[in-house]
Amino acid sequence: MRIAQLAGRTVLLTPEGAIDVAAASEGRFTGDLFEQWDDLAAWAPGADPSLARPYDEADLEAPVRAPRQIFAVALNYRPHTAEAGYEEPAAPLVFTKFPTCLTGPYATIELPPGHVDWELELVAVIGREAHRVPVEKGWDPVVALTVGQDLSERISQLAGRPAQFSLGKSYPGFGPIGPALVSLDEVPDRDDLELTCELSGQAVQHDRTGNMIFPIPRLVSYLSDFCTLLPGDLIFTGTPAGVGNRRVPQRFLTPDDELVSRIGGVGEMRHHFRRTP
């Protein structure tokens, strides 16, 4: 199933359109999305397709409204590690993005002063509380995947010694996710998905999630050794090579750009930009 947020309502996206979950279930699913996830997944295949309504993709919102924790992973693809000038990490390199950075899959995002860069990422969505999860059970707390962009203002991100990543990656709109939460049964191969990022018609990133240094089960296990993972938490799993600050010459986002973020079997986002007044 593909669960999205549309005009403040939880909807099931189908080939026929969007089905309002609360209305179609006669009020059965109105509480916490993740507490009801398993029942929702059982109900969704039988939802009446005649209840689907056309919708404008531009009205889709971030499919997770207010996660309590957002984890992000640096240098998780070897080519990106190499282009950044680092050796392969021995353990996941983790930072945070703050929840107020989240925005929807078709938003127009304000560019603050500085150098704003793109980072296409697969995002794992936690659906069950988890602590000290063994690697072989690392997929168990994950109920869905979605597309994400870890937008980054590089000057503030890299200022200081040591650098502090989180603030420069948490401006409003710097965490686009969507278009939907895609349940794992909908994904062709959850361990090997194609990622493509296009900037104004030019492919700038292309790789497969099977090339992660630390796959999702390893990330879940590692994070849960330190923190209790909570329903609704997001894990931005790292970006492939091709970011703007490592290009020659460097290239950063401008108000003239359209950024397309695509992951096979999961979905596509499109974003435009404007300068902060």
Protein backbone atom coordinates (compact mmCIF):
# COMPACT_ATOMS: atom_id res chain seq x y z
CA MET A 1 0.00 0.00 0.00
CA ARG A 2 0.94 3.63 -0.52
CA ILE A 3 -0.14 5.96 2.27
CA ALA A 4 0.07 9.71 1.80
CA GLN A 5 -1.10 12.96 3.36
CA LEU A 6 -3.39 15.08 1.19
CA ALA A 7 -4.85 18.36 2.46
CA GLY A 8 -4.44 17.21 6.05
CA ARG A 9 -6.07 13.82 5.46
CA THR A 10 -4.53 10.36 5.39
CA VAL A 11 -5.16 8.80 1.99
CA LEU A 12 -4.46 5.55 0.19
CA LEU A 13 -3.00 6.20 -3.24
CA THR A 14 -4.32 3.83 -5.93
CA PRO A 15 -4.22 3.78 -9.73
CA GLU A 16 -7.75 5.25 -9.66
CA GLY A 17 -6.84 8.15 -7.34
CA ALA A 18 -6.74 8.91 -3.62
CA ILE A 19 -9.03 7.17 -1.13
CA ASP A 20 -9.71 9.02 2.13
CA VAL A 21 -8.81 6.37 4.70
CA ALA A 22 -10.98 7.60 7.59
CA ALA A 23 -14.07 8.01 5.42
CA ALA A 24 -13.64 4.77 3.48
CA SER A 25 -13.08 2.77 6.67
CA GLU A 26 -16.10 4.43 8.34
CA GLY A 27 -13.88 5.91 11.04
CA ARG A 28 -11.94 2.75 11.81
CA PHE A 29 -8.57 4.37 11.04
CA THR A 30 -8.46 7.77 12.68
CA GLY A 31 -5.82 7.29 15.37
CA ASP A 32 -2.07 6.99 15.27
CA LEU A 33 -1.05 5.75 11.83
CA PHE A 34 1.72 3.46 13.04
CA GLU A 35 -0.22 1.94 15.94
CA GLN A 36 -2.77 0.84 13.33
CA TRP A 37 -0.31 0.01 10.55
CA ASP A 38 -0.79 -3.77 10.43
CA ASP A 39 -4.59 -3.49 10.46
CA LEU A 40 -4.42 -0.75 7.84
CA ALA A 41 -2.24 -2.94 5.63
CA ALA A 42 -4.78 -5.76 5.92
CA TRP A 43 -7.68 -3.41 5.09
CA ALA A 44 -6.09 -1.53 2.17
CA PRO A 45 -6.29 -4.24 -0.56
CA GLY A 46 -10.06 -4.41 -0.11
CA ALA A 47 -10.69 -0.66 -0.18
CA ASP A 48 -13.49 0.21 -2.60
CA PRO A 49 -11.84 1.69 -5.75
CA SER A 50 -15.03 3.63 -6.54
CA LEU A 51 -14.21 5.85 -3.55
CA ALA A 52 -10.99 7.05 -5.18
CA ARG A 53 -10.91 10.70 -6.22
CA PRO A 54 -8.55 12.53 -8.59
CA TYR A 55 -5.96 14.69 -6.84
CA ASP A 56 -3.28 17.21 -7.66
CA GLU A 57 0.18 15.90 -6.81
CA ALA A 58 1.14 19.42 -5.74
CA ASP A 59 -1.29 19.07 -2.81
CA LEU A 60 0.54 16.07 -1.32
CA GLU A 61 2.21 16.81 2.02
CA ALA A 62 5.04 15.08 3.87
CA PRO A 63 3.69 11.56 4.52
CA VAL A 64 5.02 11.60 8.11
CA ARG A 65 3.83 14.72 9.88
CA ALA A 66 5.87 14.96 13.07
CA PRO A 67 8.49 12.27 13.67
CA ARG A 68 10.09 12.39 17.07
CA GLN A 69 13.51 11.46 15.72
CA ILE A 70 15.20 11.88 12.35
CA PHE A 71 18.50 10.09 11.86
CA ALA A 72 20.75 10.67 8.86
CA VAL A 73 23.85 8.83 7.68
CA ALA A 74 26.92 10.38 6.06
CA LEU A 75 29.27 8.72 3.57
CA ASN A 76 27.26 5.53 3.05
CA TYR A 77 28.16 4.97 -0.64
CA ARG A 78 31.77 4.30 -1.60
CA PRO A 79 31.87 6.63 -4.64
CA HIS A 80 30.47 9.48 -2.52
CA THR A 81 33.00 8.73 0.22
CA ALA A 82 35.75 8.90 -2.39
CA GLU A 83 34.52 12.15 -3.99
CA ALA A 84 34.37 13.72 -0.52
CA GLY A 85 38.00 12.76 0.08
CA TYR A 86 37.49 10.35 2.97
CA GLU A 87 38.30 6.72 3.69
CA GLU A 88 35.48 4.23 4.03
CA PRO A 89 34.04 4.51 7.56
CA ALA A 90 34.30 1.54 9.91
CA ALA A 91 30.88 2.30 11.43
CA PRO A 92 27.92 4.44 10.33
CA LEU A 93 28.48 8.19 10.63
CA VAL A 94 25.28 9.61 12.09
CA PHE A 95 23.84 13.10 12.43
CA THR A 96 20.34 14.49 12.82
CA LYS A 97 17.93 16.64 10.89
CA PHE A 98 15.34 18.48 12.94
CA PRO A 99 11.66 17.68 12.24
CA THR A 100 10.72 21.25 11.29
CA CYS A 101 12.78 20.81 8.10
CA LEU A 102 10.26 18.36 6.62
CA THR A 103 8.20 19.33 3.62
CA GLY A 104 6.16 17.63 0.94
CA PRO A 105 7.19 15.98 -2.32
CA TYR A 106 6.23 18.88 -4.65
CA ALA A 107 6.92 21.96 -2.54
CA THR A 108 8.69 25.17 -3.52
CA ILE A 109 11.60 25.54 -1.12
CA GLU A 110 13.23 28.77 0.00
CA LEU A 111 16.98 29.04 -0.51
CA PRO A 112 18.76 30.78 2.38
CA PRO A 113 22.01 32.66 1.77
CA GLY A 114 24.90 30.31 1.03
CA HIS A 115 25.43 27.21 -1.07
CA VAL A 116 22.46 24.85 -1.06
CA ASP A 117 23.21 21.33 -2.28
CA TRP A 118 21.16 18.26 -3.13
CA GLU A 119 21.45 14.74 -1.64
CA LEU A 120 18.98 12.11 -2.86
CA GLU A 121 18.35 9.43 -0.22
CA LEU A 122 16.19 6.40 0.46
CA VAL A 123 14.36 6.96 3.75
CA ALA A 124 13.43 4.05 6.01
CA VAL A 125 10.32 4.59 8.14
CA ILE A 126 10.21 2.94 11.57
CA GLY A 127 6.82 1.57 12.56
CA ARG A 128 7.54 -0.31 15.78
CA GLU A 129 9.47 0.58 18.92
CA ALA A 130 12.86 -1.08 18.76
CA HIS A 131 15.95 -1.30 20.96
CA ARG A 132 19.06 -3.44 20.52
CA VAL A 133 17.88 -5.06 17.31
CA PRO A 134 20.21 -7.75 15.91
CA VAL A 135 21.35 -7.18 12.34
CA GLU A 136 19.54 -10.26 11.05
CA LYS A 137 16.26 -8.72 12.28
CA GLY A 138 17.08 -5.20 11.15
CA TRP A 139 14.18 -4.99 8.70
CA ASP A 140 11.61 -5.94 11.35
CA PRO A 141 10.93 -2.42 12.77
CA VAL A 142 10.78 -0.89 9.26
CA VAL A 143 7.25 -0.72 7.85
CA ALA A 144 7.72 1.53 4.82
CA LEU A 145 10.14 3.32 2.53
CA THR A 146 9.93 6.76 0.99
CA VAL A 147 12.03 9.13 -1.11
CA GLY A 148 13.99 11.87 0.63
CA GLN A 149 16.32 14.77 -0.06
CA ASP A 150 18.89 15.77 2.56
CA LEU A 151 19.22 19.36 1.35
CA SER A 152 22.30 21.02 2.81
CA GLU A 153 23.61 24.57 3.05
CA ARG A 154 27.31 23.77 2.80
CA ILE A 155 28.84 26.91 4.33
CA SER A 156 27.04 26.55 7.68
CA GLN A 157 27.24 22.75 7.56
CA LEU A 158 31.02 22.72 7.26
CA ALA A 159 31.84 25.73 9.46
CA GLY A 160 33.84 25.09 12.62
CA ARG A 161 36.18 22.36 13.76
CA PRO A 162 34.60 19.90 14.16
CA ALA A 163 31.85 20.73 11.71
CA GLN A 164 28.27 20.64 12.97
CA PHE A 165 26.08 19.13 10.26
CA SER A 166 22.59 19.35 11.74
CA LEU A 167 21.81 23.07 11.60
CA GLY A 168 22.94 23.56 8.00
CA LYS A 169 20.73 20.61 7.02
CA SER A 170 17.61 21.73 8.90
CA TYR A 171 16.44 24.96 7.33
CA PRO A 172 12.69 24.98 6.59
CA GLY A 173 12.03 22.68 3.64
CA PHE A 174 15.43 20.96 3.80
CA GLY A 175 13.87 17.54 4.45
CA PRO A 176 11.50 16.80 1.58
CA ILE A 177 9.98 13.32 1.78
CA GLY A 178 7.32 11.51 -0.19
CA PRO A 179 5.26 11.14 -2.17
CA ALA A 180 3.98 8.27 -0.02
CA LEU A 181 4.88 5.69 2.59
CA VAL A 182 5.35 2.55 0.50
CA SER A 183 4.87 -0.70 2.39
CA LEU A 184 7.67 -3.21 1.91
CA ASP A 185 5.47 -5.68 0.01
CA GLU A 186 5.07 -3.04 -2.73
CA VAL A 187 8.82 -2.67 -3.28
CA PRO A 188 10.38 -4.90 -5.96
CA ASP A 189 13.63 -5.52 -4.05
CA ARG A 190 13.97 -3.66 -0.78
CA ASP A 191 17.73 -4.30 -0.71
CA ASP A 192 18.54 -3.05 -4.22
CA LEU A 193 16.62 -0.05 -5.54
CA GLU A 194 17.67 2.35 -8.30
CA LEU A 195 18.24 6.00 -7.30
CA THR A 196 18.28 8.85 -9.84
CA CYS A 197 18.54 12.57 -9.15
CA GLU A 198 18.08 15.07 -11.98
CA LEU A 199 18.80 18.78 -11.85
CA SER A 200 17.05 20.82 -14.53
CA GLY A 201 17.01 17.82 -16.86
CA GLN A 202 20.56 16.62 -16.19
CA ALA A 203 21.22 13.41 -14.27
CA VAL A 204 23.53 14.32 -11.38
CA GLN A 205 23.24 11.21 -9.18
CA HIS A 206 22.67 7.58 -10.10
CA ASP A 207 23.33 4.44 -8.06
CA ARG A 208 21.60 1.51 -6.38
CA THR A 209 20.86 1.05 -2.70
CA GLY A 210 22.52 -2.35 -2.92
CA ASN A 211 25.80 -0.42 -3.01
CA MET A 212 25.35 1.06 0.46
CA ILE A 213 28.31 0.47 2.76
CA PHE A 214 25.88 -0.07 5.64
CA PRO A 215 22.52 -1.48 4.43
CA ILE A 216 19.29 -0.68 6.23
CA PRO A 217 19.38 -3.72 8.59
CA ARG A 218 22.86 -2.68 9.74
CA LEU A 219 21.76 0.92 10.25
CA VAL A 220 18.69 -0.10 12.26
CA SER A 221 20.77 -2.41 14.42
CA TYR A 222 23.49 0.19 14.98
CA LEU A 223 21.14 3.05 15.83
CA SER A 224 19.03 0.89 18.13
CA ASP A 225 22.11 0.01 20.18
CA PHE A 226 22.24 3.67 21.24
CA CYS A 227 18.65 4.90 20.98
CA THR A 228 15.19 3.46 21.26
CA LEU A 229 13.69 3.77 17.80
CA LEU A 230 10.10 4.99 17.87
CA PRO A 231 7.14 4.60 15.49
CA GLY A 232 7.31 7.33 12.87
CA ASP A 233 11.07 7.85 13.14
CA LEU A 234 12.89 8.43 9.85
CA ILE A 235 16.32 7.18 8.79
CA PHE A 236 17.88 9.05 5.86
CA THR A 237 20.22 6.31 4.67
CA GLY A 238 22.89 8.29 2.81
CA THR A 239 23.44 9.76 -0.65
CA PRO A 240 25.29 8.52 -3.74
CA ALA A 241 28.08 10.38 -5.52
CA GLY A 242 27.28 13.46 -7.58
CA VAL A 243 26.55 16.20 -5.05
CA GLY A 244 27.12 19.79 -6.09
CA ASN A 245 29.97 20.80 -3.78
CA ARG A 246 32.17 17.99 -5.14
CA ARG A 247 31.63 18.83 -8.80
CA VAL A 248 34.19 20.78 -10.84
CA PRO A 249 33.14 23.53 -11.05
CA GLN A 250 30.88 23.43 -8.02
CA ARG A 251 27.15 23.64 -8.70
CA PHE A 252 24.48 24.68 -6.22
CA LEU A 253 20.71 25.11 -6.36
CA THR A 254 19.21 28.28 -7.85
CA PRO A 255 15.66 29.61 -8.22
CA ASP A 256 15.75 28.52 -11.88
CA ASP A 257 16.23 24.83 -11.04
CA GLU A 258 13.86 21.89 -10.92
CA LEU A 259 15.13 19.02 -8.73
CA VAL A 260 13.73 15.57 -9.53
CA SER A 261 14.33 12.79 -7.00
CA ARG A 262 13.40 9.27 -8.09
CA ILE A 263 13.74 5.82 -6.50
CA GLY A 264 12.49 2.83 -8.47
CA GLY A 265 9.42 1.22 -6.94
CA VAL A 266 9.15 3.94 -4.27
CA GLY A 267 8.30 7.15 -6.08
CA GLU A 268 9.36 10.51 -7.42
CA MET A 269 9.51 14.04 -6.02
CA ARG A 270 9.84 17.35 -7.89
CA HIS A 271 10.94 20.58 -6.23
CA HIS A 272 11.39 24.19 -7.24
CA PHE A 273 13.15 26.96 -5.35
CA ARG A 274 12.98 30.64 -4.50
CA ARG A 275 15.32 32.98 -2.67
CA THR A 276 14.61 33.86 0.94
CA PRO A 277 13.28 37.45 0.95
